[in-house]
Amino acid sequence: MIKVHAALCEVTYLSFFENSIKKYISPRAVEWYKSRIEQNNTKEYAPVYWSFWGDMQDQLLQNIPFERLSCESKNLLRVLERKFEGRSYRYMNGDGHSGWVASPVSGKKIGRNQWLQIITNQKLKNRRHSKWNEVKGGFIESSIEMFSGDFSSAVRAEPESRFASKYVE
């Protein structure tokens, strides 16, 4: 999509797009950085480096016709190409899998006692990382966030039901 539109769009729009790409920092960058520092401090594994900026910029800028890039973007792209030569990107995995994400209980009618067990499960509450199981068409994610979304949907679907009588008392 970028290749098609970048080849034909006005220079002012392309310039705005380039600048947006160059300035972008993932909202998760701080979380990734803290996690990496914590992981390296455990000494459980050999220390590793994770890139927190540049992966996405390199991938996106490569899709803009080189002759249409600004001088600054061309220079940045050359630097990023050296930086990521032979490395994998955070935002791309050629052997990867994509699709929907659901919890193990998504779409199932479960009782309030089962919901209470899920909501009060200390293992889920204290889990630092989500567990993902790859399945055909997507992933099953066992995280407190996915379960809370399903619980919210269940309560929304039956607001005057078994949920309210137990938890509103």
Protein backbone atom coordinates (compact mmCIF):
# COMPACT_ATOMS: atom_id res chain seq x y z
CA MET A 1 0.00 0.00 0.00
CA ILE A 2 2.82 2.41 0.86
CA LYS A 3 4.62 1.69 -2.42
CA VAL A 4 1.51 2.55 -4.46
CA HIS A 5 0.55 5.73 -2.64
CA ALA A 6 4.08 7.03 -2.03
CA ALA A 7 4.81 6.85 -5.75
CA LEU A 8 1.87 9.13 -6.59
CA CYS A 9 1.08 11.38 -3.63
CA GLU A 10 1.96 15.06 -3.39
CA VAL A 11 5.38 15.94 -1.99
CA THR A 12 3.89 17.72 1.05
CA TYR A 13 1.93 14.61 2.07
CA LEU A 14 4.93 12.39 1.47
CA SER A 15 7.10 14.70 3.58
CA PHE A 16 4.55 14.63 6.40
CA PHE A 17 4.43 10.81 6.20
CA GLU A 18 8.24 10.50 6.21
CA ASN A 19 8.53 12.76 9.26
CA SER A 20 5.82 10.79 11.08
CA ILE A 21 7.74 7.58 10.41
CA LYS A 22 11.04 9.05 11.61
CA LYS A 23 9.56 10.46 14.83
CA TYR A 24 7.52 7.39 15.79
CA ILE A 25 8.42 5.65 19.04
CA SER A 26 6.31 2.70 20.11
CA PRO A 27 4.18 3.32 23.20
CA ARG A 28 5.58 0.00 24.44
CA ALA A 29 9.24 1.09 24.13
CA VAL A 30 9.62 1.93 27.84
CA GLU A 31 8.01 -1.39 28.81
CA TRP A 32 10.35 -3.29 26.45
CA TYR A 33 13.38 -1.41 27.79
CA LYS A 34 12.51 -2.07 31.45
CA SER A 35 11.81 -5.72 30.69
CA ARG A 36 15.15 -6.12 28.93
CA ILE A 37 17.07 -4.47 31.79
CA GLU A 38 15.29 -6.68 34.30
CA GLN A 39 15.96 -9.80 32.22
CA ASN A 40 19.64 -8.91 31.81
CA ASN A 41 19.95 -8.24 35.56
CA THR A 42 18.71 -11.74 36.41
CA LYS A 43 21.88 -13.14 34.83
CA GLU A 44 19.72 -16.15 33.89
CA TYR A 45 20.68 -15.72 30.24
CA ALA A 46 23.49 -13.98 28.43
CA PRO A 47 22.79 -10.23 28.15
CA VAL A 48 21.19 -9.25 24.86
CA TYR A 49 20.45 -6.05 23.01
CA TRP A 50 17.00 -5.18 21.69
CA SER A 51 16.46 -2.36 19.30
CA PHE A 52 13.90 0.14 20.55
CA TRP A 53 13.85 2.40 17.52
CA GLY A 54 14.57 1.97 13.86
CA ASP A 55 13.04 -1.41 13.02
CA MET A 56 9.76 0.01 11.83
CA GLN A 57 11.39 3.07 10.28
CA ASP A 58 13.68 0.85 8.19
CA GLN A 59 10.82 -1.35 7.02
CA LEU A 60 8.49 1.52 6.13
CA LEU A 61 11.05 3.81 4.51
CA GLN A 62 12.17 0.94 2.26
CA ASN A 63 8.70 0.95 0.74
CA ILE A 64 8.87 4.57 -0.39
CA PRO A 65 10.50 4.92 -3.82
CA PHE A 66 14.10 5.93 -3.10
CA GLU A 67 14.02 8.80 -5.61
CA ARG A 68 11.06 10.33 -3.74
CA LEU A 69 12.69 10.22 -0.29
CA SER A 70 14.10 13.40 1.22
CA CYS A 71 17.87 13.62 1.56
CA GLU A 72 17.54 13.16 5.34
CA SER A 73 15.43 10.01 4.90
CA LYS A 74 17.84 8.57 2.34
CA ASN A 75 20.72 9.03 4.79
CA LEU A 76 18.69 7.55 7.64
CA LEU A 77 17.73 4.57 5.49
CA ARG A 78 21.41 3.90 4.71
CA VAL A 79 22.24 3.95 8.44
CA LEU A 80 19.29 1.70 9.29
CA GLU A 81 20.21 -0.77 6.57
CA ARG A 82 23.67 -1.11 8.14
CA LYS A 83 22.17 -1.36 11.63
CA PHE A 84 19.79 -4.19 10.74
CA GLU A 85 21.93 -6.06 8.24
CA GLY A 86 21.50 -9.75 9.00
CA ARG A 87 19.15 -9.14 11.94
CA SER A 88 15.48 -9.85 12.36
CA TYR A 89 12.99 -7.07 12.90
CA ARG A 90 10.71 -6.61 15.88
CA TYR A 91 7.71 -5.93 13.62
CA MET A 92 8.21 -8.67 11.06
CA ASN A 93 8.70 -12.38 11.09
CA GLY A 94 8.69 -14.07 7.71
CA ASP A 95 8.01 -17.43 9.30
CA GLY A 96 5.41 -15.91 11.59
CA HIS A 97 1.78 -16.58 12.16
CA SER A 98 -0.98 -14.02 12.35
CA GLY A 99 -4.70 -13.97 13.02
CA TRP A 100 -7.26 -13.35 15.71
CA VAL A 101 -6.50 -13.46 19.45
CA ALA A 102 -8.94 -14.92 21.96
CA SER A 103 -8.88 -16.27 25.50
CA PRO A 104 -9.48 -19.96 26.23
CA VAL A 105 -13.04 -19.09 27.33
CA SER A 106 -13.98 -16.69 24.50
CA GLY A 107 -17.47 -17.42 23.21
CA LYS A 108 -18.20 -19.97 25.93
CA LYS A 109 -20.96 -19.64 28.50
CA ILE A 110 -19.36 -20.26 31.83
CA GLY A 111 -20.84 -19.90 35.28
CA ARG A 112 -20.14 -17.25 37.86
CA ASN A 113 -18.10 -19.65 40.03
CA GLN A 114 -15.79 -20.31 37.08
CA TRP A 115 -15.52 -16.55 36.47
CA LEU A 116 -14.72 -16.01 40.14
CA GLN A 117 -11.93 -18.61 39.91
CA ILE A 118 -10.50 -16.90 36.84
CA ILE A 119 -10.75 -13.38 38.25
CA THR A 120 -9.13 -14.32 41.56
CA ASN A 121 -6.46 -16.59 40.06
CA GLN A 122 -3.17 -15.40 41.56
CA LYS A 123 -1.12 -17.11 38.83
CA LEU A 124 -2.78 -14.88 36.22
CA LYS A 125 -2.49 -11.78 38.36
CA ASN A 126 1.23 -12.29 38.99
CA ARG A 127 2.13 -13.45 35.47
CA ARG A 128 4.57 -11.06 33.86
CA HIS A 129 4.06 -12.28 30.29
CA SER A 130 1.06 -13.64 28.44
CA LYS A 131 0.92 -17.26 27.38
CA TRP A 132 0.12 -17.59 23.68
CA ASN A 133 -0.80 -20.84 21.98
CA GLU A 134 -0.75 -20.79 18.21
CA VAL A 135 -3.87 -22.35 16.67
CA LYS A 136 -5.25 -22.42 13.15
CA GLY A 137 -6.35 -18.88 12.25
CA GLY A 138 -4.97 -17.15 15.34
CA PHE A 139 -3.82 -17.44 18.92
CA ILE A 140 -5.24 -18.38 22.29
CA GLU A 141 -3.94 -15.98 24.92
CA SER A 142 -4.21 -16.74 28.62
CA SER A 143 -3.88 -13.31 30.19
CA ILE A 144 -5.81 -11.34 32.75
CA GLU A 145 -6.52 -8.72 30.06
CA MET A 146 -8.12 -11.24 27.69
CA PHE A 147 -10.15 -12.83 30.49
CA SER A 148 -11.33 -9.44 31.76
CA GLY A 149 -12.48 -8.53 28.24
CA ASP A 150 -14.48 -11.77 28.03
CA PHE A 151 -15.94 -11.21 31.47
CA SER A 152 -16.98 -7.69 30.49
CA SER A 153 -18.65 -9.06 27.35
CA ALA A 154 -20.47 -11.73 29.35
CA VAL A 155 -21.80 -9.16 31.85
CA ARG A 156 -22.78 -6.80 29.01
CA ALA A 157 -24.66 -9.62 27.29
CA GLU A 158 -26.60 -10.46 30.45
CA PRO A 159 -26.57 -7.33 32.68
CA GLU A 160 -29.46 -8.45 34.88
CA SER A 161 -28.23 -12.02 35.09
CA ARG A 162 -26.41 -14.25 37.44
CA PHE A 163 -23.40 -11.91 37.50
CA ALA A 164 -25.12 -8.89 39.00
CA SER A 165 -26.89 -10.79 41.76
CA LYS A 166 -23.64 -12.24 43.07
CA TYR A 167 -21.25 -9.30 42.72
CA VAL A 168 -23.44 -6.30 43.46
CA GLU A 169 -24.52 -7.47 46.91
